[in-house]
Amino acid sequence: MIWSTDWFGSPCIDLRDAEAFQTEHISGTTSLAWSRLPSAMHELPDKHYPLKLLGTDKQLKLASDFLNEKGYTVEAVYGLDEHFWQWARSEAITESGCKTVPLWQANPLLATHIDNIESLISGRKALDLACGAGRDAVFLAQRGWAVTAVDANKDSLHRCEGLANSSNTSLSTQCLDLELQQPAMDNPSVDLIVVMRYLHRPLLPWLAKWLNPGGILCYSTFMVGCEKFGSPRNPNYLLKPDELANTYSDMKIVYDEVHHLNDGRPVVHFVAQNPA
């Protein structure tokens, strides 16, 4: 087999265990052991990104079949035999240690606006509400924020904690049903509240109250029109045009635009700041 360094263009996953990865691996690859893969789907990129895999023949077969069933495209596989390592060392593209390239990304709204958000406020205390697997919470924690990730699902919080651990950062989690009449938040005064892909209208008035003076609300979720392309279709989970701007009319609107996902579903990208 002929190998080439041009295969770095796509995300490349090393399926061996963490110990083997730390002993020696290809620079720029991602450590994600095959044994973790079924429970770590939240650490993968969007499905339109093709993947490359490194591992033993058994790992490559199991992972390829699993990922194909989940809708991913496995672009290439590389068996890590001695011939491969000889080539890789001759190309000086191997290294040791735990440095791994993350495949996941924060929500585009947060990733795009975080520098501006950080320039607007000096505090670094954040809430990620309905955090799911915790990508946004971990993204903030990596930037030095003191983050509390909140979700009603204990399994989601477990994945969030695992992602923080594998990303060499830390955060707090709280298991809480946000759809109670008055959510019992612990120390809710924060500088930033992040809400992504979640809508419970009775919760909306509480968000401004939980923000410190000058605090920022960063909100993105599905809008009316989404039902034409897919889920959600329930109007209880779909924002109306200008709904957030009207709800938070006492706040300074920093950004309020409608974007469309690759499948056509409209989502609002909304950033607003509490009065100082």
C-alpha atoms as a PDB file:
ATOM      1  CA  MET A   1       0.000   0.000   0.000  1.00  0.00           C
ATOM      2  CA  ILE A   2       1.211   3.518  -0.825  1.00  0.00           C
ATOM      3  CA  TRP A   3       0.608   6.148   1.842  1.00  0.00           C
ATOM      4  CA  SER A   4       0.707   9.901   1.469  1.00  0.00           C
ATOM      5  CA  THR A   5       0.628  12.817   3.899  1.00  0.00           C
ATOM      6  CA  ASP A   6      -2.168  14.435   1.857  1.00  0.00           C
ATOM      7  CA  TRP A   7      -4.699  12.351   3.805  1.00  0.00           C
ATOM      8  CA  PHE A   8      -4.557  14.927   6.619  1.00  0.00           C
ATOM      9  CA  GLY A   9      -7.251  16.939   4.828  1.00  0.00           C
ATOM     10  CA  SER A  10     -10.044  14.967   6.508  1.00  0.00           C
ATOM     11  CA  PRO A  11     -10.636  14.245  10.195  1.00  0.00           C
ATOM     12  CA  CYS A  12      -8.554  11.206  11.132  1.00  0.00           C
ATOM     13  CA  ILE A  13      -9.435   9.035  14.148  1.00  0.00           C
ATOM     14  CA  ASP A  14      -6.951   6.763  15.926  1.00  0.00           C
ATOM     15  CA  LEU A  15      -9.056   3.873  17.247  1.00  0.00           C
ATOM     16  CA  ARG A  16      -6.428   2.439  19.612  1.00  0.00           C
ATOM     17  CA  ASP A  17      -6.654   2.876  23.372  1.00  0.00           C
ATOM     18  CA  ALA A  18      -5.311   6.012  25.066  1.00  0.00           C
ATOM     19  CA  GLU A  19      -2.134   4.301  26.274  1.00  0.00           C
ATOM     20  CA  ALA A  20      -1.147   3.187  22.788  1.00  0.00           C
ATOM     21  CA  PHE A  21      -1.964   6.630  21.392  1.00  0.00           C
ATOM     22  CA  GLN A  22       0.221   8.348  23.973  1.00  0.00           C
ATOM     23  CA  THR A  23       3.130   6.018  23.233  1.00  0.00           C
ATOM     24  CA  GLU A  24       3.169   6.986  19.550  1.00  0.00           C
ATOM     25  CA  HIS A  25       0.666   8.418  17.103  1.00  0.00           C
ATOM     26  CA  ILE A  26       0.402  10.409  13.899  1.00  0.00           C
ATOM     27  CA  SER A  27       0.537  14.156  14.451  1.00  0.00           C
ATOM     28  CA  GLY A  28      -2.795  15.891  13.924  1.00  0.00           C
ATOM     29  CA  THR A  29      -4.962  12.833  14.606  1.00  0.00           C
ATOM     30  CA  THR A  30      -7.748  12.345  17.125  1.00  0.00           C
ATOM     31  CA  SER A  31      -7.661   9.747  19.875  1.00  0.00           C
ATOM     32  CA  LEU A  32     -11.021   7.994  20.128  1.00  0.00           C
ATOM     33  CA  ALA A  33     -10.742   4.366  21.177  1.00  0.00           C
ATOM     34  CA  TRP A  34     -13.082   1.957  19.413  1.00  0.00           C
ATOM     35  CA  SER A  35     -14.448   0.871  22.794  1.00  0.00           C
ATOM     36  CA  ARG A  36     -15.623   4.461  23.418  1.00  0.00           C
ATOM     37  CA  LEU A  37     -16.981   5.204  19.957  1.00  0.00           C
ATOM     38  CA  PRO A  38     -20.632   4.102  20.423  1.00  0.00           C
ATOM     39  CA  SER A  39     -20.987   6.326  23.500  1.00  0.00           C
ATOM     40  CA  ALA A  40     -18.962   9.232  22.101  1.00  0.00           C
ATOM     41  CA  MET A  41     -20.911  10.171  18.982  1.00  0.00           C
ATOM     42  CA  HIS A  42     -21.188  13.725  20.326  1.00  0.00           C
ATOM     43  CA  GLU A  43     -17.418  14.036  19.884  1.00  0.00           C
ATOM     44  CA  LEU A  44     -17.633  13.482  16.125  1.00  0.00           C
ATOM     45  CA  PRO A  45     -17.967  16.216  13.487  1.00  0.00           C
ATOM     46  CA  ASP A  46     -21.076  16.756  11.373  1.00  0.00           C
ATOM     47  CA  LYS A  47     -21.915  13.869   9.065  1.00  0.00           C
ATOM     48  CA  HIS A  48     -21.016  15.771   5.897  1.00  0.00           C
ATOM     49  CA  TYR A  49     -17.337  15.508   6.907  1.00  0.00           C
ATOM     50  CA  PRO A  50     -15.727  12.292   5.599  1.00  0.00           C
ATOM     51  CA  LEU A  51     -13.615  10.409   8.132  1.00  0.00           C
ATOM     52  CA  LYS A  52     -10.333   8.522   8.007  1.00  0.00           C
ATOM     53  CA  LEU A  53      -9.574   5.755  10.491  1.00  0.00           C
ATOM     54  CA  LEU A  54      -6.370   4.347  11.962  1.00  0.00           C
ATOM     55  CA  GLY A  55      -6.208   1.110  13.944  1.00  0.00           C
ATOM     56  CA  THR A  56      -5.964  -2.661  13.876  1.00  0.00           C
ATOM     57  CA  ASP A  57      -7.796  -4.638  11.208  1.00  0.00           C
ATOM     58  CA  LYS A  58     -10.504  -5.617  13.715  1.00  0.00           C
ATOM     59  CA  GLN A  59     -10.947  -2.056  14.977  1.00  0.00           C
ATOM     60  CA  LEU A  60     -11.156  -0.713  11.442  1.00  0.00           C
ATOM     61  CA  LYS A  61     -13.805  -3.242  10.406  1.00  0.00           C
ATOM     62  CA  LEU A  62     -15.979  -2.704  13.486  1.00  0.00           C
ATOM     63  CA  ALA A  63     -15.683   1.091  13.413  1.00  0.00           C
ATOM     64  CA  SER A  64     -16.283   1.359   9.655  1.00  0.00           C
ATOM     65  CA  ASP A  65     -19.429  -0.747   9.827  1.00  0.00           C
ATOM     66  CA  PHE A  66     -20.695   1.179  12.865  1.00  0.00           C
ATOM     67  CA  LEU A  67     -20.038   4.627  11.370  1.00  0.00           C
ATOM     68  CA  ASN A  68     -21.546   3.714   8.002  1.00  0.00           C
ATOM     69  CA  GLU A  69     -24.703   2.564   9.783  1.00  0.00           C
ATOM     70  CA  LYS A  70     -24.845   5.941  11.546  1.00  0.00           C
ATOM     71  CA  GLY A  71     -24.683   7.824   8.263  1.00  0.00           C
ATOM     72  CA  TYR A  72     -21.000   8.769   8.200  1.00  0.00           C
ATOM     73  CA  THR A  73     -18.704   8.354   5.207  1.00  0.00           C
ATOM     74  CA  VAL A  74     -15.468   6.517   5.961  1.00  0.00           C
ATOM     75  CA  GLU A  75     -13.134   7.840   3.310  1.00  0.00           C
ATOM     76  CA  ALA A  76     -10.124   5.632   4.059  1.00  0.00           C
ATOM     77  CA  VAL A  77      -8.731   3.188   6.619  1.00  0.00           C
ATOM     78  CA  TYR A  78      -5.118   2.636   7.623  1.00  0.00           C
ATOM     79  CA  GLY A  79      -3.882  -0.513   9.326  1.00  0.00           C
ATOM     80  CA  LEU A  80      -1.214   0.348  11.857  1.00  0.00           C
ATOM     81  CA  ASP A  81       1.278  -2.398  11.083  1.00  0.00           C
ATOM     82  CA  GLU A  82       5.046  -2.099  11.201  1.00  0.00           C
ATOM     83  CA  HIS A  83       5.285  -1.072   7.534  1.00  0.00           C
ATOM     84  CA  PHE A  84       2.984   1.863   8.209  1.00  0.00           C
ATOM     85  CA  TRP A  85       5.009   2.985  11.227  1.00  0.00           C
ATOM     86  CA  GLN A  86       8.273   2.723   9.298  1.00  0.00           C
ATOM     87  CA  TRP A  87       6.825   4.985   6.615  1.00  0.00           C
ATOM     88  CA  ALA A  88       5.364   7.448   9.153  1.00  0.00           C
ATOM     89  CA  ARG A  89       8.658   7.731  11.050  1.00  0.00           C
ATOM     90  CA  SER A  90      10.545   8.274   7.797  1.00  0.00           C
ATOM     91  CA  GLU A  91       8.175  11.174   7.060  1.00  0.00           C
ATOM     92  CA  ALA A  92       8.705  12.573  10.597  1.00  0.00           C
ATOM     93  CA  ILE A  93       4.952  12.765  11.247  1.00  0.00           C
ATOM     94  CA  THR A  94       4.809  10.781  14.484  1.00  0.00           C
ATOM     95  CA  GLU A  95       4.832  12.054  18.036  1.00  0.00           C
ATOM     96  CA  SER A  96       4.176  10.846  21.567  1.00  0.00           C
ATOM     97  CA  GLY A  97       2.008  12.317  24.306  1.00  0.00           C
ATOM     98  CA  CYS A  98      -1.687  12.967  24.777  1.00  0.00           C
ATOM     99  CA  LYS A  99      -2.150  15.832  22.301  1.00  0.00           C
ATOM    100  CA  THR A 100      -5.303  15.026  20.332  1.00  0.00           C
ATOM    101  CA  VAL A 101      -7.219  17.121  17.807  1.00  0.00           C
ATOM    102  CA  PRO A 102     -10.892  17.667  18.742  1.00  0.00           C
ATOM    103  CA  LEU A 103     -13.398  16.845  16.018  1.00  0.00           C
ATOM    104  CA  TRP A 104     -16.390  18.533  17.627  1.00  0.00           C
ATOM    105  CA  GLN A 105     -17.251  22.229  17.394  1.00  0.00           C
ATOM    106  CA  ALA A 106     -19.270  24.644  19.464  1.00  0.00           C
ATOM    107  CA  ASN A 107     -22.521  26.024  18.081  1.00  0.00           C
ATOM    108  CA  PRO A 108     -21.659  28.414  15.208  1.00  0.00           C
ATOM    109  CA  LEU A 109     -23.345  31.324  16.982  1.00  0.00           C
ATOM    110  CA  LEU A 110     -21.170  30.955  20.061  1.00  0.00           C
ATOM    111  CA  ALA A 111     -17.997  30.190  18.128  1.00  0.00           C
ATOM    112  CA  THR A 112     -18.494  33.225  15.879  1.00  0.00           C
ATOM    113  CA  HIS A 113     -19.402  35.740  18.582  1.00  0.00           C
ATOM    114  CA  ILE A 114     -17.375  34.636  21.604  1.00  0.00           C
ATOM    115  CA  ASP A 115     -14.565  37.142  21.016  1.00  0.00           C
ATOM    116  CA  ASN A 116     -17.063  40.005  20.855  1.00  0.00           C
ATOM    117  CA  ILE A 117     -18.938  38.667  23.898  1.00  0.00           C
ATOM    118  CA  GLU A 118     -15.739  38.531  25.905  1.00  0.00           C
ATOM    119  CA  SER A 119     -14.910  42.095  24.897  1.00  0.00           C
ATOM    120  CA  LEU A 120     -18.286  43.320  26.195  1.00  0.00           C
ATOM    121  CA  ILE A 121     -18.077  41.848  29.705  1.00  0.00           C
ATOM    122  CA  SER A 122     -15.319  41.318  32.231  1.00  0.00           C
ATOM    123  CA  GLY A 123     -16.972  38.506  34.200  1.00  0.00           C
ATOM    124  CA  ARG A 124     -16.437  34.891  33.219  1.00  0.00           C
ATOM    125  CA  LYS A 125     -19.283  33.000  34.903  1.00  0.00           C
ATOM    126  CA  ALA A 126     -21.597  31.152  32.530  1.00  0.00           C
ATOM    127  CA  LEU A 127     -24.669  28.926  32.420  1.00  0.00           C
ATOM    128  CA  ASP A 128     -25.307  26.503  29.571  1.00  0.00           C
ATOM    129  CA  LEU A 129     -28.994  25.585  29.819  1.00  0.00           C
ATOM    130  CA  ALA A 130     -30.267  22.335  28.283  1.00  0.00           C
ATOM    131  CA  CYS A 131     -26.611  21.651  27.588  1.00  0.00           C
ATOM    132  CA  GLY A 132     -27.016  18.213  26.013  1.00  0.00           C
ATOM    133  CA  ALA A 133     -23.637  16.568  25.519  1.00  0.00           C
ATOM    134  CA  GLY A 134     -21.890  19.796  26.515  1.00  0.00           C
ATOM    135  CA  ARG A 135     -19.974  20.999  23.481  1.00  0.00           C
ATOM    136  CA  ASP A 136     -20.728  24.670  24.166  1.00  0.00           C
ATOM    137  CA  ALA A 137     -20.064  24.321  27.895  1.00  0.00           C
ATOM    138  CA  VAL A 138     -16.701  22.659  27.268  1.00  0.00           C
ATOM    139  CA  PHE A 139     -15.820  25.244  24.619  1.00  0.00           C
ATOM    140  CA  LEU A 140     -16.353  28.011  27.191  1.00  0.00           C
ATOM    141  CA  ALA A 141     -14.483  26.134  29.922  1.00  0.00           C
ATOM    142  CA  GLN A 142     -11.490  25.776  27.606  1.00  0.00           C
ATOM    143  CA  ARG A 143     -11.477  29.568  27.268  1.00  0.00           C
ATOM    144  CA  GLY A 144     -11.319  30.038  31.031  1.00  0.00           C
ATOM    145  CA  TRP A 145     -15.000  30.449  31.869  1.00  0.00           C
ATOM    146  CA  ALA A 146     -16.442  29.055  35.109  1.00  0.00           C
ATOM    147  CA  VAL A 147     -19.283  27.071  33.550  1.00  0.00           C
ATOM    148  CA  THR A 148     -22.306  25.356  35.028  1.00  0.00           C
ATOM    149  CA  ALA A 149     -23.909  22.987  32.521  1.00  0.00           C
ATOM    150  CA  VAL A 150     -27.576  22.267  33.235  1.00  0.00           C
ATOM    151  CA  ASP A 151     -29.751  19.503  31.832  1.00  0.00           C
ATOM    152  CA  ALA A 152     -32.624  17.300  32.986  1.00  0.00           C
ATOM    153  CA  ASN A 153     -30.958  14.204  31.529  1.00  0.00           C
ATOM    154  CA  LYS A 154     -28.302  12.578  33.724  1.00  0.00           C
ATOM    155  CA  ASP A 155     -26.851  10.678  30.763  1.00  0.00           C
ATOM    156  CA  SER A 156     -26.318  13.957  28.899  1.00  0.00           C
ATOM    157  CA  LEU A 157     -24.520  15.427  31.900  1.00  0.00           C
ATOM    158  CA  HIS A 158     -22.343  12.318  32.115  1.00  0.00           C
ATOM    159  CA  ARG A 159     -21.342  12.794  28.473  1.00  0.00           C
ATOM    160  CA  CYS A 160     -20.697  16.477  29.163  1.00  0.00           C
ATOM    161  CA  GLU A 161     -18.377  15.607  32.045  1.00  0.00           C
ATOM    162  CA  GLY A 162     -16.617  13.016  29.889  1.00  0.00           C
ATOM    163  CA  LEU A 163     -16.083  15.524  27.087  1.00  0.00           C
ATOM    164  CA  ALA A 164     -14.654  18.039  29.565  1.00  0.00           C
ATOM    165  CA  ASN A 165     -12.301  15.402  30.933  1.00  0.00           C
ATOM    166  CA  SER A 166     -11.104  14.292  27.492  1.00  0.00           C
ATOM    167  CA  SER A 167     -10.644  17.967  26.573  1.00  0.00           C
ATOM    168  CA  ASN A 168      -8.443  18.577  29.639  1.00  0.00           C
ATOM    169  CA  THR A 169     -10.771  21.096  31.209  1.00  0.00           C
ATOM    170  CA  SER A 170     -13.345  21.178  34.000  1.00  0.00           C
ATOM    171  CA  LEU A 171     -16.835  22.481  34.664  1.00  0.00           C
ATOM    172  CA  SER A 172     -19.785  22.002  37.005  1.00  0.00           C
ATOM    173  CA  THR A 173     -22.991  20.204  36.135  1.00  0.00           C
ATOM    174  CA  GLN A 174     -26.487  20.408  37.577  1.00  0.00           C
ATOM    175  CA  CYS A 175     -29.322  17.992  36.885  1.00  0.00           C
ATOM    176  CA  LEU A 176     -32.427  20.143  36.784  1.00  0.00           C
ATOM    177  CA  ASP A 177     -35.801  20.112  35.066  1.00  0.00           C
ATOM    178  CA  LEU A 178     -35.974  23.559  33.467  1.00  0.00           C
ATOM    179  CA  GLU A 179     -39.677  23.112  32.805  1.00  0.00           C
ATOM    180  CA  LEU A 180     -40.687  23.318  36.453  1.00  0.00           C
ATOM    181  CA  GLN A 181     -42.812  26.319  37.364  1.00  0.00           C
ATOM    182  CA  GLN A 182     -39.799  28.020  38.959  1.00  0.00           C
ATOM    183  CA  PRO A 183     -36.500  26.298  38.225  1.00  0.00           C
ATOM    184  CA  ALA A 184     -34.386  25.994  41.367  1.00  0.00           C
ATOM    185  CA  MET A 185     -31.112  27.327  40.022  1.00  0.00           C
ATOM    186  CA  ASP A 186     -28.050  27.352  42.272  1.00  0.00           C
ATOM    187  CA  ASN A 187     -26.403  30.812  42.378  1.00  0.00           C
ATOM    188  CA  PRO A 188     -27.955  31.914  39.082  1.00  0.00           C
ATOM    189  CA  SER A 189     -26.284  35.346  38.832  1.00  0.00           C
ATOM    190  CA  VAL A 190     -24.012  34.891  35.825  1.00  0.00           C
ATOM    191  CA  ASP A 191     -22.319  36.895  33.094  1.00  0.00           C
ATOM    192  CA  LEU A 192     -23.356  34.705  30.181  1.00  0.00           C
ATOM    193  CA  ILE A 193     -26.295  32.395  29.507  1.00  0.00           C
ATOM    194  CA  VAL A 194     -26.137  30.037  26.546  1.00  0.00           C
ATOM    195  CA  VAL A 195     -29.252  28.282  25.203  1.00  0.00           C
ATOM    196  CA  MET A 196     -28.957  26.194  22.047  1.00  0.00           C
ATOM    197  CA  ARG A 197     -31.638  24.118  20.304  1.00  0.00           C
ATOM    198  CA  TYR A 198     -34.079  24.384  23.208  1.00  0.00           C
ATOM    199  CA  LEU A 199     -37.277  26.331  23.776  1.00  0.00           C
ATOM    200  CA  HIS A 200     -39.566  26.420  26.811  1.00  0.00           C
ATOM    201  CA  ARG A 201     -41.334  29.772  26.677  1.00  0.00           C
ATOM    202  CA  PRO A 202     -42.133  30.034  30.428  1.00  0.00           C
ATOM    203  CA  LEU A 203     -38.376  29.948  31.037  1.00  0.00           C
ATOM    204  CA  LEU A 204     -37.619  32.991  28.877  1.00  0.00           C
ATOM    205  CA  PRO A 205     -38.413  35.716  31.482  1.00  0.00           C
ATOM    206  CA  TRP A 206     -36.074  34.062  33.989  1.00  0.00           C
ATOM    207  CA  LEU A 207     -33.031  34.375  31.752  1.00  0.00           C
ATOM    208  CA  ALA A 208     -32.719  38.150  32.027  1.00  0.00           C
ATOM    209  CA  LYS A 209     -33.227  37.892  35.800  1.00  0.00           C
ATOM    210  CA  TRP A 210     -30.384  35.398  36.114  1.00  0.00           C
ATOM    211  CA  LEU A 211     -27.951  37.622  34.220  1.00  0.00           C
ATOM    212  CA  ASN A 212     -25.732  40.081  36.036  1.00  0.00           C
ATOM    213  CA  PRO A 213     -25.913  43.744  34.975  1.00  0.00           C
ATOM    214  CA  GLY A 214     -24.272  43.909  31.576  1.00  0.00           C
ATOM    215  CA  GLY A 215     -24.559  40.139  31.187  1.00  0.00           C
ATOM    216  CA  ILE A 216     -25.027  38.470  27.802  1.00  0.00           C
ATOM    217  CA  LEU A 217     -27.697  36.109  26.508  1.00  0.00           C
ATOM    218  CA  CYS A 218     -26.612  33.894  23.586  1.00  0.00           C
ATOM    219  CA  TYR A 219     -29.585  32.003  22.156  1.00  0.00           C
ATOM    220  CA  SER A 220     -30.075  29.879  19.054  1.00  0.00           C
ATOM    221  CA  THR A 221     -32.957  27.548  18.257  1.00  0.00           C
ATOM    222  CA  PHE A 222     -35.403  26.534  15.558  1.00  0.00           C
ATOM    223  CA  MET A 223     -37.962  28.889  14.038  1.00  0.00           C
ATOM    224  CA  VAL A 224     -41.372  28.653  12.431  1.00  0.00           C
ATOM    225  CA  GLY A 225     -40.778  27.257   8.947  1.00  0.00           C
ATOM    226  CA  CYS A 226     -38.648  24.417  10.250  1.00  0.00           C
ATOM    227  CA  GLU A 227     -41.647  22.071   9.998  1.00  0.00           C
ATOM    228  CA  LYS A 228     -41.416  22.234   6.197  1.00  0.00           C
ATOM    229  CA  PHE A 229     -38.041  20.498   6.272  1.00  0.00           C
ATOM    230  CA  GLY A 230     -38.093  18.245   9.321  1.00  0.00           C
ATOM    231  CA  SER A 231     -38.313  18.232  13.085  1.00  0.00           C
ATOM    232  CA  PRO A 232     -39.265  19.884  15.308  1.00  0.00           C
ATOM    233  CA  ARG A 233     -42.763  20.449  13.969  1.00  0.00           C
ATOM    234  CA  ASN A 234     -44.523  21.259  17.234  1.00  0.00           C
ATOM    235  CA  PRO A 235     -45.093  25.051  17.356  1.00  0.00           C
ATOM    236  CA  ASN A 236     -44.284  24.967  21.089  1.00  0.00           C
ATOM    237  CA  TYR A 237     -40.666  24.384  20.058  1.00  0.00           C
ATOM    238  CA  LEU A 238     -40.500  26.908  17.221  1.00  0.00           C
ATOM    239  CA  LEU A 239     -39.759  30.591  17.691  1.00  0.00           C
ATOM    240  CA  LYS A 240     -41.777  33.149  15.805  1.00  0.00           C
ATOM    241  CA  PRO A 241     -40.058  35.946  13.838  1.00  0.00           C
ATOM    242  CA  ASP A 242     -38.676  38.625  16.197  1.00  0.00           C
ATOM    243  CA  GLU A 243     -39.957  36.727  19.238  1.00  0.00           C
ATOM    244  CA  LEU A 244     -36.697  36.949  21.162  1.00  0.00           C
ATOM    245  CA  ALA A 245     -36.197  40.598  20.262  1.00  0.00           C
ATOM    246  CA  ASN A 246     -39.690  41.388  21.545  1.00  0.00           C
ATOM    247  CA  THR A 247     -39.245  39.287  24.682  1.00  0.00           C
ATOM    248  CA  TYR A 248     -35.973  41.000  25.549  1.00  0.00           C
ATOM    249  CA  SER A 249     -36.864  44.496  24.375  1.00  0.00           C
ATOM    250  CA  ASP A 250     -35.272  45.985  27.519  1.00  0.00           C
ATOM    251  CA  MET A 251     -31.917  44.509  26.546  1.00  0.00           C
ATOM    252  CA  LYS A 252     -29.467  45.797  23.956  1.00  0.00           C
ATOM    253  CA  ILE A 253     -29.691  43.618  20.860  1.00  0.00           C
ATOM    254  CA  VAL A 254     -26.139  42.797  19.770  1.00  0.00           C
ATOM    255  CA  TYR A 255     -27.036  40.360  16.999  1.00  0.00           C
ATOM    256  CA  ASP A 256     -30.342  39.002  15.680  1.00  0.00           C
ATOM    257  CA  GLU A 257     -30.335  37.106  12.405  1.00  0.00           C
ATOM    258  CA  VAL A 258     -31.988  34.060  10.850  1.00  0.00           C
ATOM    259  CA  HIS A 259     -29.647  31.391   9.509  1.00  0.00           C
ATOM    260  CA  HIS A 260     -30.424  28.140   7.715  1.00  0.00           C
ATOM    261  CA  LEU A 261     -28.941  24.729   8.389  1.00  0.00           C
ATOM    262  CA  ASN A 262     -27.663  22.598   5.518  1.00  0.00           C
ATOM    263  CA  ASP A 263     -31.041  20.844   5.368  1.00  0.00           C
ATOM    264  CA  GLY A 264     -32.914  24.155   5.040  1.00  0.00           C
ATOM    265  CA  ARG A 265     -34.265  24.458   8.587  1.00  0.00           C
ATOM    266  CA  PRO A 266     -34.268  28.071   9.850  1.00  0.00           C
ATOM    267  CA  VAL A 267     -32.632  28.904  13.174  1.00  0.00           C
ATOM    268  CA  VAL A 268     -32.344  32.223  14.957  1.00  0.00           C
ATOM    269  CA  HIS A 269     -28.957  33.519  16.094  1.00  0.00           C
ATOM    270  CA  PHE A 270     -29.555  35.983  18.904  1.00  0.00           C
ATOM    271  CA  VAL A 271     -27.187  37.841  21.232  1.00  0.00           C
ATOM    272  CA  ALA A 272     -28.407  40.492  23.678  1.00  0.00           C
ATOM    273  CA  GLN A 273     -26.904  42.363  26.625  1.00  0.00           C
ATOM    274  CA  ASN A 274     -28.544  43.251  29.920  1.00  0.00           C
ATOM    275  CA  PRO A 275     -28.471  46.924  30.943  1.00  0.00           C
ATOM    276  CA  ALA A 276     -25.394  47.728  33.036  1.00  0.00           C
END
